[in-house]
Amino acid sequence: CEVKTLLFDPQSGLVTALMRFEPGAVLPDHEHVRIEQTYVLEGKLVDKEGPAAGLEITPGEFVWREPGSRHVAWTPEGGLMLAMFQIPNKFHDRDGRVAELDIKLAAAMDRLVA
């Protein structure tokens, strides 16, 4: 995933970013501790697991997730999304460990390529 941070406010944790995903990319099991919003510019975003499994968001569509929502998302054809969320987000490993997207990582997001 390539990330271009457009706005980052360390006091509130607010992040606005353009995110480009390669075809087949998976955003692993994660929880939005606060609200999350996504607007799809290109491609498709699909909930792979979670309460909204099967939900597809296509270009020109918007989705928001309430605080505490948890899901796995993927981009079968790749995509470009405008994402707005507040950190921390929690990423859940299959072994039960939890990692947080925190302020230090969010500040470095322009350099992220996974």
C-alpha atoms as a PDB file:
ATOM      1  CA  CYS A   1       0.000   0.000   0.000  1.00  0.00           C
ATOM      2  CA  GLU A   2       1.259   3.493  -0.805  1.00  0.00           C
ATOM      3  CA  VAL A   3       0.123   6.283   1.492  1.00  0.00           C
ATOM      4  CA  LYS A   4       0.188  10.045   0.954  1.00  0.00           C
ATOM      5  CA  THR A   5      -0.784  11.910   4.109  1.00  0.00           C
ATOM      6  CA  LEU A   6      -2.802  15.035   3.324  1.00  0.00           C
ATOM      7  CA  LEU A   7      -3.550  16.022   6.919  1.00  0.00           C
ATOM      8  CA  PHE A   8      -2.261  14.801  10.250  1.00  0.00           C
ATOM      9  CA  ASP A   9      -3.238  16.433  13.547  1.00  0.00           C
ATOM     10  CA  PRO A  10      -1.253  14.877  16.408  1.00  0.00           C
ATOM     11  CA  GLN A  11      -3.522  16.437  19.051  1.00  0.00           C
ATOM     12  CA  SER A  12      -6.756  14.878  17.824  1.00  0.00           C
ATOM     13  CA  GLY A  13      -5.235  11.916  15.957  1.00  0.00           C
ATOM     14  CA  LEU A  14      -7.097  12.956  12.783  1.00  0.00           C
ATOM     15  CA  VAL A  15      -5.575  11.574   9.580  1.00  0.00           C
ATOM     16  CA  THR A  16      -6.651  12.252   5.994  1.00  0.00           C
ATOM     17  CA  ALA A  17      -4.706  10.230   3.435  1.00  0.00           C
ATOM     18  CA  LEU A  18      -4.733   9.007  -0.135  1.00  0.00           C
ATOM     19  CA  MET A  19      -4.131   5.263  -0.136  1.00  0.00           C
ATOM     20  CA  ARG A  20      -3.244   3.250  -3.243  1.00  0.00           C
ATOM     21  CA  PHE A  21      -3.611  -0.528  -3.083  1.00  0.00           C
ATOM     22  CA  GLU A  22      -2.277  -3.103  -5.534  1.00  0.00           C
ATOM     23  CA  PRO A  23      -4.697  -5.719  -6.935  1.00  0.00           C
ATOM     24  CA  GLY A  24      -5.430  -8.345  -4.294  1.00  0.00           C
ATOM     25  CA  ALA A  25      -4.071  -6.254  -1.408  1.00  0.00           C
ATOM     26  CA  VAL A  26      -5.569  -7.083   1.994  1.00  0.00           C
ATOM     27  CA  LEU A  27      -5.944  -4.675   4.897  1.00  0.00           C
ATOM     28  CA  PRO A  28      -5.734  -7.154   7.797  1.00  0.00           C
ATOM     29  CA  ASP A  29      -8.120  -7.518  10.719  1.00  0.00           C
ATOM     30  CA  HIS A  30      -8.363  -4.103  12.344  1.00  0.00           C
ATOM     31  CA  GLU A  31     -10.588  -2.109  14.647  1.00  0.00           C
ATOM     32  CA  HIS A  32     -11.488   1.541  14.250  1.00  0.00           C
ATOM     33  CA  VAL A  33     -11.280   2.886  17.786  1.00  0.00           C
ATOM     34  CA  ARG A  34     -12.841   6.099  16.486  1.00  0.00           C
ATOM     35  CA  ILE A  35     -14.802   6.920  13.325  1.00  0.00           C
ATOM     36  CA  GLU A  36     -13.405   5.961   9.883  1.00  0.00           C
ATOM     37  CA  GLN A  37     -14.527   7.259   6.491  1.00  0.00           C
ATOM     38  CA  THR A  38     -13.507   6.098   3.009  1.00  0.00           C
ATOM     39  CA  TYR A  39     -14.293   7.521  -0.423  1.00  0.00           C
ATOM     40  CA  VAL A  40     -13.303   5.255  -3.326  1.00  0.00           C
ATOM     41  CA  LEU A  41     -11.739   7.085  -6.270  1.00  0.00           C
ATOM     42  CA  GLU A  42     -10.614   4.052  -8.321  1.00  0.00           C
ATOM     43  CA  GLY A  43     -11.032   0.289  -8.036  1.00  0.00           C
ATOM     44  CA  LYS A  44     -13.083  -1.440  -5.379  1.00  0.00           C
ATOM     45  CA  LEU A  45     -12.921  -1.931  -1.604  1.00  0.00           C
ATOM     46  CA  VAL A  46     -14.576  -5.093  -0.264  1.00  0.00           C
ATOM     47  CA  ASP A  47     -15.178  -6.174   3.320  1.00  0.00           C
ATOM     48  CA  LYS A  48     -13.714  -9.680   3.433  1.00  0.00           C
ATOM     49  CA  GLU A  49     -14.571 -10.453   7.077  1.00  0.00           C
ATOM     50  CA  GLY A  50     -16.559  -8.744   9.799  1.00  0.00           C
ATOM     51  CA  PRO A  51     -20.162  -7.633  10.280  1.00  0.00           C
ATOM     52  CA  ALA A  52     -20.366  -6.121   6.776  1.00  0.00           C
ATOM     53  CA  ALA A  53     -18.689  -9.064   4.969  1.00  0.00           C
ATOM     54  CA  GLY A  54     -19.341  -8.849   1.235  1.00  0.00           C
ATOM     55  CA  LEU A  55     -19.983  -5.088   1.228  1.00  0.00           C
ATOM     56  CA  GLU A  56     -18.447  -3.594  -1.945  1.00  0.00           C
ATOM     57  CA  ILE A  57     -17.597   0.087  -2.297  1.00  0.00           C
ATOM     58  CA  THR A  58     -16.919   1.217  -5.872  1.00  0.00           C
ATOM     59  CA  PRO A  59     -15.710   4.498  -7.440  1.00  0.00           C
ATOM     60  CA  GLY A  60     -17.767   7.460  -6.329  1.00  0.00           C
ATOM     61  CA  GLU A  61     -19.116   5.654  -3.261  1.00  0.00           C
ATOM     62  CA  PHE A  62     -18.539   6.552   0.381  1.00  0.00           C
ATOM     63  CA  VAL A  63     -18.594   4.361   3.477  1.00  0.00           C
ATOM     64  CA  TRP A  64     -18.144   5.244   7.131  1.00  0.00           C
ATOM     65  CA  ARG A  65     -17.591   3.002  10.110  1.00  0.00           C
ATOM     66  CA  GLU A  66     -18.610   3.775  13.643  1.00  0.00           C
ATOM     67  CA  PRO A  67     -16.183   3.658  16.564  1.00  0.00           C
ATOM     68  CA  GLY A  68     -15.404   0.093  17.603  1.00  0.00           C
ATOM     69  CA  SER A  69     -16.087  -1.427  14.179  1.00  0.00           C
ATOM     70  CA  ARG A  70     -13.751  -4.260  13.186  1.00  0.00           C
ATOM     71  CA  HIS A  71     -13.179  -5.838   9.773  1.00  0.00           C
ATOM     72  CA  VAL A  72     -10.802  -7.200   7.125  1.00  0.00           C
ATOM     73  CA  ALA A  73     -10.871  -5.361   3.789  1.00  0.00           C
ATOM     74  CA  TRP A  74      -9.355  -6.139   0.409  1.00  0.00           C
ATOM     75  CA  THR A  75      -9.046  -4.636  -3.049  1.00  0.00           C
ATOM     76  CA  PRO A  76      -9.593  -7.388  -5.636  1.00  0.00           C
ATOM     77  CA  GLU A  77      -8.654  -5.074  -8.530  1.00  0.00           C
ATOM     78  CA  GLY A  78      -6.560  -2.599  -6.551  1.00  0.00           C
ATOM     79  CA  GLY A  79      -7.725   0.905  -5.880  1.00  0.00           C
ATOM     80  CA  LEU A  80      -7.229   4.487  -4.826  1.00  0.00           C
ATOM     81  CA  MET A  81      -9.099   5.672  -1.733  1.00  0.00           C
ATOM     82  CA  LEU A  82      -9.397   8.867   0.262  1.00  0.00           C
ATOM     83  CA  ALA A  83      -9.345   7.726   3.898  1.00  0.00           C
ATOM     84  CA  MET A  84     -10.213   9.836   6.935  1.00  0.00           C
ATOM     85  CA  PHE A  85      -9.831   8.340  10.393  1.00  0.00           C
ATOM     86  CA  GLN A  86      -8.625   9.018  13.898  1.00  0.00           C
ATOM     87  CA  ILE A  87      -5.822   7.044  15.458  1.00  0.00           C
ATOM     88  CA  PRO A  88      -5.222   4.795  17.200  1.00  0.00           C
ATOM     89  CA  ASN A  89      -6.489   1.967  15.011  1.00  0.00           C
ATOM     90  CA  LYS A  90      -5.914  -1.522  16.407  1.00  0.00           C
ATOM     91  CA  PHE A  91      -4.618  -4.344  14.202  1.00  0.00           C
ATOM     92  CA  HIS A  92      -5.418  -7.857  15.459  1.00  0.00           C
ATOM     93  CA  ASP A  93      -3.033 -10.761  14.753  1.00  0.00           C
ATOM     94  CA  ARG A  94      -4.391 -14.308  14.481  1.00  0.00           C
ATOM     95  CA  ASP A  95      -2.453 -15.228  17.634  1.00  0.00           C
ATOM     96  CA  GLY A  96      -4.379 -12.633  19.644  1.00  0.00           C
ATOM     97  CA  ARG A  97      -1.737  -9.907  19.727  1.00  0.00           C
ATOM     98  CA  VAL A  98      -2.889  -6.335  19.067  1.00  0.00           C
ATOM     99  CA  ALA A  99      -0.778  -3.604  17.488  1.00  0.00           C
ATOM    100  CA  GLU A 100      -1.836   0.037  17.326  1.00  0.00           C
ATOM    101  CA  LEU A 101      -1.382   2.538  14.509  1.00  0.00           C
ATOM    102  CA  ASP A 102      -0.176   5.301  16.788  1.00  0.00           C
ATOM    103  CA  ILE A 103       0.987   8.893  16.432  1.00  0.00           C
ATOM    104  CA  LYS A 104       4.620   7.996  15.597  1.00  0.00           C
ATOM    105  CA  LEU A 105       3.561   5.671  12.788  1.00  0.00           C
ATOM    106  CA  ALA A 106       0.940   8.084  11.470  1.00  0.00           C
ATOM    107  CA  ALA A 107       3.567  10.838  11.324  1.00  0.00           C
ATOM    108  CA  ALA A 108       5.744   8.566   9.162  1.00  0.00           C
ATOM    109  CA  MET A 109       2.935   7.405   6.843  1.00  0.00           C
ATOM    110  CA  ASP A 110       4.279   9.269   3.790  1.00  0.00           C
ATOM    111  CA  ARG A 111       7.204   6.877   3.831  1.00  0.00           C
ATOM    112  CA  LEU A 112       5.126   3.686   4.140  1.00  0.00           C
ATOM    113  CA  VAL A 113       5.180   1.194   1.326  1.00  0.00           C
ATOM    114  CA  ALA A 114       4.089  -2.325   2.262  1.00  0.00           C
END
